[in-house]
Amino acid sequence: MTLPLATALDITATGIGAGIRCNKTPFLGGQGRNALLINNAAVGGSGVVKIQGNPSNSATAPASGDSGWTDIVSLTATSPLEQEIVLPNWIRVNVTTLGTGTVTIMLEGVQ
């Protein structure tokens, strides 16, 4: 089972994606569960795409400036295309440094 985080994300502009709640099996965040973070290609140029998590238990996504958002992993041109991460309650994609091209990022559930 997969959960898309970003499809054809343009990394030629910075920006914060919407928070996605990890509340369905096998993506139950905040319970020590892991998932594979998969991107279809390396981040182009000198771009940096951060995968960020928030521990909020709220049914509503935390605001983009909420202090609970922390970096889980930073994706760059040299990052592995698959990485295992511990799931937070909320997850989002944040392009923090301009790059080139697009990237598709998803989670694959680990049973």
C-alpha atoms as a PDB file:
ATOM      1  CA  MET A   1       0.000   0.000   0.000  1.00  0.00           C
ATOM      2  CA  THR A   2       1.308   3.452  -0.875  1.00  0.00           C
ATOM      3  CA  LEU A   3       0.488   6.965   0.263  1.00  0.00           C
ATOM      4  CA  PRO A   4       1.434   9.787  -2.160  1.00  0.00           C
ATOM      5  CA  LEU A   5       3.125  12.779  -0.522  1.00  0.00           C
ATOM      6  CA  ALA A   6       3.855  14.721  -3.723  1.00  0.00           C
ATOM      7  CA  THR A   7       3.234  13.943  -7.394  1.00  0.00           C
ATOM      8  CA  ALA A   8       5.475  15.669  -9.963  1.00  0.00           C
ATOM      9  CA  LEU A   9       6.495  18.217  -7.315  1.00  0.00           C
ATOM     10  CA  ASP A  10       8.115  21.217  -9.009  1.00  0.00           C
ATOM     11  CA  ILE A  11      11.350  21.920  -7.166  1.00  0.00           C
ATOM     12  CA  THR A  12      12.136  25.076  -9.128  1.00  0.00           C
ATOM     13  CA  ALA A  13      10.182  27.017  -6.489  1.00  0.00           C
ATOM     14  CA  THR A  14      10.245  26.798  -2.703  1.00  0.00           C
ATOM     15  CA  GLY A  15       7.083  26.009  -0.805  1.00  0.00           C
ATOM     16  CA  ILE A  16       5.436  23.992   1.931  1.00  0.00           C
ATOM     17  CA  GLY A  17       3.003  21.223   1.022  1.00  0.00           C
ATOM     18  CA  ALA A  18      -0.177  20.458   2.918  1.00  0.00           C
ATOM     19  CA  GLY A  19       0.057  18.266   5.990  1.00  0.00           C
ATOM     20  CA  ILE A  20      -1.071  14.658   5.489  1.00  0.00           C
ATOM     21  CA  ARG A  21      -2.463  12.795   8.465  1.00  0.00           C
ATOM     22  CA  CYS A  22      -0.959   9.365   9.093  1.00  0.00           C
ATOM     23  CA  ASN A  23      -3.990   7.707  10.651  1.00  0.00           C
ATOM     24  CA  LYS A  24      -4.739   4.568   8.622  1.00  0.00           C
ATOM     25  CA  THR A  25      -3.028   1.184   8.632  1.00  0.00           C
ATOM     26  CA  PRO A  26      -0.244   0.684   7.650  1.00  0.00           C
ATOM     27  CA  PHE A  27       0.457   4.408   8.073  1.00  0.00           C
ATOM     28  CA  LEU A  28      -0.371   4.865  11.751  1.00  0.00           C
ATOM     29  CA  GLY A  29       1.800   7.734  12.873  1.00  0.00           C
ATOM     30  CA  GLY A  30       2.960   8.384  16.384  1.00  0.00           C
ATOM     31  CA  GLN A  31       2.991   4.696  17.271  1.00  0.00           C
ATOM     32  CA  GLY A  32       6.571   3.803  16.393  1.00  0.00           C
ATOM     33  CA  ARG A  33       5.604   2.429  12.977  1.00  0.00           C
ATOM     34  CA  ASN A  34       7.941   2.687  10.029  1.00  0.00           C
ATOM     35  CA  ALA A  35       7.378   3.247   6.321  1.00  0.00           C
ATOM     36  CA  LEU A  36       9.600   3.395   3.270  1.00  0.00           C
ATOM     37  CA  LEU A  37       9.991   6.886   1.873  1.00  0.00           C
ATOM     38  CA  ILE A  38      10.400   6.507  -1.887  1.00  0.00           C
ATOM     39  CA  ASN A  39      11.216   9.191  -4.423  1.00  0.00           C
ATOM     40  CA  ASN A  40      11.123   8.353  -8.139  1.00  0.00           C
ATOM     41  CA  ALA A  41      14.300  10.280  -8.954  1.00  0.00           C
ATOM     42  CA  ALA A  42      17.046  12.216  -7.237  1.00  0.00           C
ATOM     43  CA  VAL A  43      16.333  15.848  -6.427  1.00  0.00           C
ATOM     44  CA  GLY A  44      17.751  17.871  -9.313  1.00  0.00           C
ATOM     45  CA  GLY A  45      20.534  20.427  -9.078  1.00  0.00           C
ATOM     46  CA  SER A  46      21.268  21.799  -5.630  1.00  0.00           C
ATOM     47  CA  GLY A  47      17.653  21.450  -4.489  1.00  0.00           C
ATOM     48  CA  VAL A  48      16.670  20.380  -0.990  1.00  0.00           C
ATOM     49  CA  VAL A  49      13.293  18.816  -0.229  1.00  0.00           C
ATOM     50  CA  LYS A  50      12.624  18.240   3.449  1.00  0.00           C
ATOM     51  CA  ILE A  51      10.191  15.650   4.706  1.00  0.00           C
ATOM     52  CA  GLN A  52       8.801  17.031   7.943  1.00  0.00           C
ATOM     53  CA  GLY A  53       6.656  15.574  10.690  1.00  0.00           C
ATOM     54  CA  ASN A  54       4.431  16.894  13.458  1.00  0.00           C
ATOM     55  CA  PRO A  55       3.290  14.945  16.546  1.00  0.00           C
ATOM     56  CA  SER A  56      -0.064  16.759  16.847  1.00  0.00           C
ATOM     57  CA  ASN A  57      -3.023  14.497  17.688  1.00  0.00           C
ATOM     58  CA  SER A  58      -5.485  17.010  16.219  1.00  0.00           C
ATOM     59  CA  ALA A  59      -7.799  15.920  13.415  1.00  0.00           C
ATOM     60  CA  THR A  60      -6.982  19.245  11.725  1.00  0.00           C
ATOM     61  CA  ALA A  61      -3.569  19.771  10.121  1.00  0.00           C
ATOM     62  CA  PRO A  62      -1.195  21.923  12.164  1.00  0.00           C
ATOM     63  CA  ALA A  63      -0.550  25.372  10.702  1.00  0.00           C
ATOM     64  CA  SER A  64       2.457  25.694   8.406  1.00  0.00           C
ATOM     65  CA  GLY A  65       4.265  27.779  11.044  1.00  0.00           C
ATOM     66  CA  ASP A  66       3.464  25.412  13.938  1.00  0.00           C
ATOM     67  CA  SER A  67       6.562  24.818  16.084  1.00  0.00           C
ATOM     68  CA  GLY A  68       5.840  21.076  16.137  1.00  0.00           C
ATOM     69  CA  TRP A  69       7.026  20.621  12.529  1.00  0.00           C
ATOM     70  CA  THR A  70      10.485  19.041  12.533  1.00  0.00           C
ATOM     71  CA  ASP A  71      12.714  17.597   9.842  1.00  0.00           C
ATOM     72  CA  ILE A  72      12.608  13.821   9.370  1.00  0.00           C
ATOM     73  CA  VAL A  73      14.920  13.699   6.359  1.00  0.00           C
ATOM     74  CA  SER A  74      16.389  16.086   3.783  1.00  0.00           C
ATOM     75  CA  LEU A  75      16.363  14.870   0.185  1.00  0.00           C
ATOM     76  CA  THR A  76      19.165  16.078  -2.111  1.00  0.00           C
ATOM     77  CA  ALA A  77      20.824  14.951  -5.324  1.00  0.00           C
ATOM     78  CA  THR A  78      22.878  12.398  -3.362  1.00  0.00           C
ATOM     79  CA  SER A  79      20.099  10.997  -1.141  1.00  0.00           C
ATOM     80  CA  PRO A  80      19.105   7.343  -1.510  1.00  0.00           C
ATOM     81  CA  LEU A  81      15.858   6.897  -3.439  1.00  0.00           C
ATOM     82  CA  GLU A  82      14.438   4.707  -0.640  1.00  0.00           C
ATOM     83  CA  GLN A  83      14.757   5.408   3.077  1.00  0.00           C
ATOM     84  CA  GLU A  84      13.008   3.935   6.070  1.00  0.00           C
ATOM     85  CA  ILE A  85      11.445   6.519   8.378  1.00  0.00           C
ATOM     86  CA  VAL A  86       9.425   6.479  11.598  1.00  0.00           C
ATOM     87  CA  LEU A  87       5.958   7.874  10.935  1.00  0.00           C
ATOM     88  CA  PRO A  88       4.758  10.989  12.763  1.00  0.00           C
ATOM     89  CA  ASN A  89       1.065  11.816  13.206  1.00  0.00           C
ATOM     90  CA  TRP A  90       1.307  14.394  10.404  1.00  0.00           C
ATOM     91  CA  ILE A  91       3.771  14.526   7.491  1.00  0.00           C
ATOM     92  CA  ARG A  92       4.469  17.101   4.777  1.00  0.00           C
ATOM     93  CA  VAL A  93       6.896  17.968   1.989  1.00  0.00           C
ATOM     94  CA  ASN A  94       8.800  21.270   2.103  1.00  0.00           C
ATOM     95  CA  VAL A  95      10.990  22.509  -0.786  1.00  0.00           C
ATOM     96  CA  THR A  96      13.493  24.669   1.091  1.00  0.00           C
ATOM     97  CA  THR A  97      16.184  25.182  -1.576  1.00  0.00           C
ATOM     98  CA  LEU A  98      15.595  25.608  -5.303  1.00  0.00           C
ATOM     99  CA  GLY A  99      16.554  22.760  -7.583  1.00  0.00           C
ATOM    100  CA  THR A 100      15.719  21.588 -11.092  1.00  0.00           C
ATOM    101  CA  GLY A 101      12.927  19.421 -12.446  1.00  0.00           C
ATOM    102  CA  THR A 102      10.252  17.519 -10.557  1.00  0.00           C
ATOM    103  CA  VAL A 103      10.083  14.598  -8.142  1.00  0.00           C
ATOM    104  CA  THR A 104       7.339  12.246  -7.012  1.00  0.00           C
ATOM    105  CA  ILE A 105       7.504  11.178  -3.356  1.00  0.00           C
ATOM    106  CA  MET A 106       5.457   8.487  -1.647  1.00  0.00           C
ATOM    107  CA  LEU A 107       5.323   6.303   1.426  1.00  0.00           C
ATOM    108  CA  GLU A 108       5.131   2.549   1.182  1.00  0.00           C
ATOM    109  CA  GLY A 109       3.679   0.788   4.177  1.00  0.00           C
ATOM    110  CA  VAL A 110       5.841  -1.644   6.122  1.00  0.00           C
ATOM    111  CA  GLN A 111       3.851  -4.445   7.740  1.00  0.00           C
END
